[in-house]
Protein backbone atom coordinates (compact mmCIF):
# COMPACT_ATOMS: atom_id res chain seq x y z
CA UNK A 1 0.09 0.06 -0.13
CA UNK A 2 1.14 3.45 -0.73
CA UNK A 3 1.69 6.34 1.90
CA UNK A 4 -1.42 8.11 0.40
CA UNK A 5 -3.62 4.94 0.76
CA UNK A 6 -2.57 4.33 4.20
CA UNK A 7 -2.99 8.21 5.15
CA UNK A 8 -6.55 8.11 3.58
CA UNK A 9 -7.48 5.03 5.88
CA UNK A 10 -6.09 6.57 9.09
CA UNK A 11 -7.96 9.82 8.41
CA UNK A 12 -11.25 8.02 7.76
CA UNK A 13 -10.75 5.84 10.97
CA UNK A 14 -10.13 8.98 12.83
CA UNK A 15 -13.25 10.57 11.42
CA UNK A 16 -15.22 7.46 12.19
CA UNK A 17 -13.80 7.10 15.77
CA UNK A 18 -14.55 11.08 16.22
CA UNK A 19 -18.15 10.47 14.98
CA UNK A 20 -18.78 7.56 17.22
CA UNK A 21 -17.32 9.46 20.24
CA UNK A 22 -19.36 12.51 19.67
CA UNK A 23 -22.63 10.24 20.10
CA UNK A 24 -21.07 8.17 22.67
CA UNK A 25 -22.29 9.56 25.84
CA UNK A 26 -25.45 10.72 24.71
CA UNK A 27 -28.56 9.17 25.79
CA UNK A 28 -30.49 7.48 22.96
CA UNK A 29 -34.24 7.60 22.56
CA UNK A 30 -36.66 6.00 19.95
CA UNK A 31 -38.37 8.75 17.80
CA UNK A 32 -41.91 9.87 18.50
CA UNK A 33 -44.60 7.90 16.95
CA UNK A 34 -45.83 10.91 14.92
CA UNK A 35 -42.42 11.25 13.35
CA UNK A 36 -42.82 7.50 11.87
CA UNK A 37 -46.32 8.68 10.61
CA UNK A 38 -44.78 11.71 8.88
CA UNK A 39 -42.13 9.59 7.32
CA UNK A 40 -44.79 6.95 6.16
CA UNK A 41 -46.85 9.69 4.74
CA UNK A 42 -43.84 11.04 2.85
CA UNK A 43 -43.35 7.77 1.44
CA UNK A 44 -40.71 6.23 3.39
CA UNK A 45 -41.19 2.53 4.60
CA UNK A 46 -39.87 0.01 7.21
CA UNK A 47 -37.76 -1.41 4.50
CA UNK A 48 -35.94 1.89 3.55
CA UNK A 49 -35.58 3.27 7.06
CA UNK A 50 -33.36 0.92 9.09
CA UNK A 51 -33.67 2.73 12.26
CA UNK A 52 -34.30 6.14 13.55
CA UNK A 53 -33.50 7.59 16.88
CA UNK A 54 -32.97 10.69 19.09
CA UNK A 55 -29.44 10.63 20.47
CA UNK A 56 -28.23 13.89 22.34
CA UNK A 57 -29.65 16.86 20.22
CA UNK A 58 -29.57 14.61 16.92
CA UNK A 59 -32.36 13.14 15.00
CA UNK A 60 -30.47 10.19 13.44
CA UNK A 61 -32.19 8.67 10.26
CA UNK A 62 -30.32 5.52 9.20
CA UNK A 63 -31.25 4.34 5.74
CA UNK A 64 -31.05 0.55 5.14
CA UNK A 65 -28.84 1.05 1.82
CA UNK A 66 -25.28 0.88 1.71
CA UNK A 67 -25.52 4.16 -0.41
CA UNK A 68 -27.00 7.47 0.93
CA UNK A 69 -29.28 8.63 -1.77
CA UNK A 70 -29.38 12.25 -1.54
CA UNK A 71 -32.75 12.85 -2.93
CA UNK A 72 -34.14 10.66 -0.14
CA UNK A 73 -32.13 12.76 2.42
CA UNK A 74 -33.71 15.74 1.04
CA UNK A 75 -37.08 14.13 1.39
CA UNK A 76 -36.53 13.18 4.90
CA UNK A 77 -35.48 16.92 5.99
CA UNK A 78 -38.49 18.17 3.89
CA UNK A 79 -40.81 15.85 5.87
CA UNK A 80 -39.45 16.91 9.18
CA UNK A 81 -39.32 20.56 8.45
CA UNK A 82 -42.81 20.73 6.98
CA UNK A 83 -44.05 19.36 10.31
CA UNK A 84 -41.89 21.97 12.28
CA UNK A 85 -43.39 24.52 10.12
CA UNK A 86 -47.04 23.48 10.96
CA UNK A 87 -45.85 23.31 14.74
CA UNK A 88 -42.88 25.52 15.87
CA UNK A 89 -42.29 23.47 18.88
CA UNK A 90 -42.14 20.19 17.41
CA UNK A 91 -38.29 19.60 17.40
CA UNK A 92 -37.84 21.87 20.55
CA UNK A 93 -40.18 19.22 22.58
CA UNK A 94 -37.12 16.80 21.77
CA UNK A 95 -34.42 19.25 21.94
CA UNK A 96 -33.13 18.32 18.31
CA UNK A 97 -30.47 20.82 17.02
CA UNK A 98 -29.41 18.69 13.94
CA UNK A 99 -30.93 16.16 11.34
CA UNK A 100 -28.48 13.42 10.52
CA UNK A 101 -29.10 10.93 7.83
CA UNK A 102 -26.85 8.15 7.26
CA UNK A 103 -26.34 4.87 5.33
CA UNK A 104 -26.23 1.42 6.68
CA UNK A 105 -22.45 1.18 6.89
CA UNK A 106 -22.26 4.62 8.76
CA UNK A 107 -19.66 5.52 6.22
CA UNK A 108 -21.66 8.62 4.79
CA UNK A 109 -23.51 11.17 6.75
CA UNK A 110 -25.47 14.08 5.79
CA UNK A 111 -26.08 16.62 8.71
CA UNK A 112 -28.62 19.37 8.31
CA UNK A 113 -27.51 21.88 11.00
CA UNK A 114 -29.44 24.18 13.42
CA UNK A 115 -32.74 22.19 12.44
CA UNK A 116 -35.14 23.84 14.78
CA UNK A 117 -34.03 27.40 13.22
CA UNK A 118 -33.45 26.40 9.69
CA UNK A 119 -36.61 24.48 9.35
CA UNK A 120 -38.62 27.69 10.14
CA UNK A 121 -36.66 29.76 7.43
CA UNK A 122 -36.72 26.99 4.96
CA UNK A 123 -38.98 28.10 1.75
CA UNK A 124 -41.81 25.61 1.19
CA UNK A 125 -41.36 25.51 -2.63
CA UNK A 126 -37.82 24.91 -4.29
CA UNK A 127 -36.05 24.19 -1.08
CA UNK A 128 -33.32 22.06 -2.53
CA UNK A 129 -30.74 24.90 -2.53
CA UNK A 130 -31.56 25.99 0.94
CA UNK A 131 -31.13 22.49 2.27
CA UNK A 132 -27.77 22.16 0.48
CA UNK A 133 -26.68 25.32 1.91
CA UNK A 134 -27.25 24.14 5.51
CA UNK A 135 -26.14 20.63 4.99
CA UNK A 136 -22.68 19.20 5.70
CA UNK A 137 -21.71 15.93 3.92
CA UNK A 138 -19.16 13.49 5.56
CA UNK A 139 -17.89 10.57 3.51
CA UNK A 140 -15.76 8.06 5.44
CA UNK A 141 -14.23 5.47 3.10
């Protein structure tokens, strides 16, 4: 293996450990039932969503695919944010600050930062660019 390959492996492993460590001390809760209903009404099913949880201040959505399909991530954020726009306290009740979507292998994460505030600011139509601007993509390979 080349030095470059070894460096990439070390960096990816370090980022993975950091990601795990960030959530390690946080309490983990099941998502509220109304969120399952919201996902179902938005076209998600039990097969597509492997697991969803609230961990610390993060709403974590794990897709049961090895790749994170960006359009499905956008739809998940839209579904949550549309509910927040209907009920401003929806995320605040659970102290959620970010929406994290990740693939089954946890090698790709899309993080929608400041979810409580940004969901309220998000335009109802043509919101892809807004979501892109407030998303941090992390790829660990």
